[in-house]
Amino acid sequence: MNLYDQKIGGFLILAITGNIVLEDTTKLKEHVEQYIEDSSLEGIIINCENVKFIDSSGLGLIVSIYKTLKKMDKKFALTALSGRTLEIFTLTKLDNILTITKDNDTALEIFKT
């Protein structure tokens, strides 16, 4: 898994390439944790355009990140889910809980309103 950061205003956009699986969850968790306590952070958007698979450990980590941010009144979204990754969120009904949008701009637009 490779992680690419971009800050837009108070939002961290984190693009992930590869799979979000048990072997990589620690790397992703530590990467996100370095931003979460930043008082200027308004939220995190994870772009999954280049993610092909997410296992149960990856799902658990995503939910954990969401819950942590929610407790801090910060925003969280997943963007550009497709194919099997989108199906996983639909089957687990997480698409009813998490903000999932087609792209980063749509997520930013939702959060600014």
Protein backbone atom coordinates (compact mmCIF):
# COMPACT_ATOMS: atom_id res chain seq x y z
CA MET A 1 0.00 0.00 0.00
CA ASN A 2 1.19 3.50 -0.84
CA LEU A 3 -0.21 6.67 0.72
CA TYR A 4 -0.27 10.13 -0.86
CA ASP A 5 -1.28 13.25 1.09
CA GLN A 6 -2.76 16.51 -0.05
CA LYS A 7 -4.09 19.29 2.20
CA ILE A 8 -6.95 21.42 0.89
CA GLY A 9 -8.01 24.00 3.41
CA GLY A 10 -8.54 22.15 6.67
CA PHE A 11 -8.97 18.78 5.00
CA LEU A 12 -6.46 16.01 4.50
CA ILE A 13 -7.03 14.07 1.30
CA LEU A 14 -5.32 10.73 1.55
CA ALA A 15 -5.05 8.76 -1.69
CA ILE A 16 -4.34 5.07 -1.25
CA THR A 17 -2.99 2.72 -3.88
CA GLY A 18 -3.00 -1.02 -3.28
CA ASN A 19 -5.11 -3.06 -0.91
CA ILE A 20 -6.24 -2.14 2.60
CA VAL A 21 -5.51 -5.41 4.36
CA LEU A 22 -4.24 -6.65 7.72
CA GLU A 23 -0.59 -6.36 6.73
CA ASP A 24 -0.97 -2.63 6.01
CA THR A 25 -3.43 -1.45 8.66
CA THR A 26 -0.69 -0.39 11.11
CA LYS A 27 0.95 1.74 8.42
CA LEU A 28 -2.35 3.44 7.58
CA LYS A 29 -3.31 3.91 11.24
CA GLU A 30 0.03 5.52 12.13
CA HIS A 31 -0.14 7.74 9.08
CA VAL A 32 -3.62 9.03 9.94
CA GLU A 33 -2.79 9.46 13.64
CA GLN A 34 -0.12 12.03 12.84
CA TYR A 35 -2.87 14.33 11.51
CA ILE A 36 -5.84 13.63 13.79
CA GLU A 37 -4.68 15.75 16.74
CA ASP A 38 -3.96 18.77 14.54
CA SER A 39 -6.41 21.44 15.69
CA SER A 40 -6.58 22.95 12.19
CA LEU A 41 -7.76 19.64 10.72
CA GLU A 42 -11.45 19.76 9.79
CA GLY A 43 -11.60 16.25 8.40
CA ILE A 44 -10.07 13.43 6.41
CA ILE A 45 -11.08 12.26 2.95
CA ILE A 46 -9.73 8.89 1.86
CA ASN A 47 -9.61 8.47 -1.91
CA CYS A 48 -9.99 4.79 -2.81
CA GLU A 49 -9.80 5.13 -6.58
CA ASN A 50 -6.76 2.82 -6.71
CA VAL A 51 -7.86 0.41 -3.97
CA LYS A 52 -8.85 -2.97 -5.32
CA PHE A 53 -9.62 -4.85 -2.10
CA ILE A 54 -10.38 -4.17 1.57
CA ASP A 55 -10.40 -7.02 4.10
CA SER A 56 -12.15 -7.08 7.49
CA SER A 57 -9.13 -5.53 9.22
CA GLY A 58 -9.18 -2.67 6.73
CA LEU A 59 -12.91 -2.16 7.27
CA GLY A 60 -12.37 -2.15 11.02
CA LEU A 61 -9.66 0.48 10.73
CA ILE A 62 -11.82 2.70 8.50
CA VAL A 63 -14.67 2.50 11.01
CA SER A 64 -12.22 3.27 13.83
CA ILE A 65 -10.91 6.36 12.01
CA TYR A 66 -14.49 7.49 11.38
CA LYS A 67 -15.47 7.05 15.05
CA THR A 68 -12.37 8.87 16.29
CA LEU A 69 -13.01 11.83 13.99
CA LYS A 70 -16.70 11.90 14.84
CA LYS A 71 -15.91 12.15 18.58
CA MET A 72 -13.74 15.15 17.75
CA ASP A 73 -16.47 16.77 15.60
CA LYS A 74 -14.34 16.32 12.49
CA LYS A 75 -15.51 15.07 9.11
CA PHE A 76 -14.72 11.81 7.31
CA ALA A 77 -15.44 10.58 3.81
CA LEU A 78 -14.46 7.86 1.39
CA THR A 79 -14.31 8.73 -2.29
CA ALA A 80 -14.03 6.98 -5.64
CA LEU A 81 -15.04 3.53 -4.40
CA SER A 82 -15.76 1.17 -7.25
CA GLY A 83 -16.34 -2.45 -8.06
CA ARG A 84 -15.60 -4.81 -5.23
CA THR A 85 -14.65 -2.10 -2.72
CA LEU A 86 -17.99 -0.36 -3.13
CA GLU A 87 -19.77 -3.72 -2.89
CA ILE A 88 -18.07 -4.45 0.45
CA PHE A 89 -19.38 -1.18 1.93
CA THR A 90 -22.85 -1.84 0.54
CA LEU A 91 -23.06 -5.43 1.81
CA THR A 92 -21.91 -4.41 5.30
CA LYS A 93 -24.35 -1.45 5.24
CA LEU A 94 -21.47 0.89 6.06
CA ASP A 95 -22.59 2.99 3.11
CA ASN A 96 -25.53 4.04 5.32
CA ILE A 97 -23.19 5.31 8.06
CA LEU A 98 -20.16 6.69 6.25
CA THR A 99 -20.07 9.57 3.78
CA ILE A 100 -19.18 8.00 0.44
CA THR A 101 -18.92 10.23 -2.63
CA LYS A 102 -17.86 9.86 -6.24
CA ASP A 103 -14.85 12.17 -5.89
CA ASN A 104 -12.88 14.46 -3.56
CA ASP A 105 -14.55 17.65 -4.82
CA THR A 106 -18.01 16.31 -3.99
CA ALA A 107 -16.90 15.40 -0.47
CA LEU A 108 -15.37 18.85 0.05
CA GLU A 109 -18.56 20.47 -1.23
CA ILE A 110 -20.71 18.45 1.20
CA PHE A 111 -18.47 19.33 4.13
CA LYS A 112 -18.40 23.05 3.39
CA THR A 113 -22.20 23.34 3.61
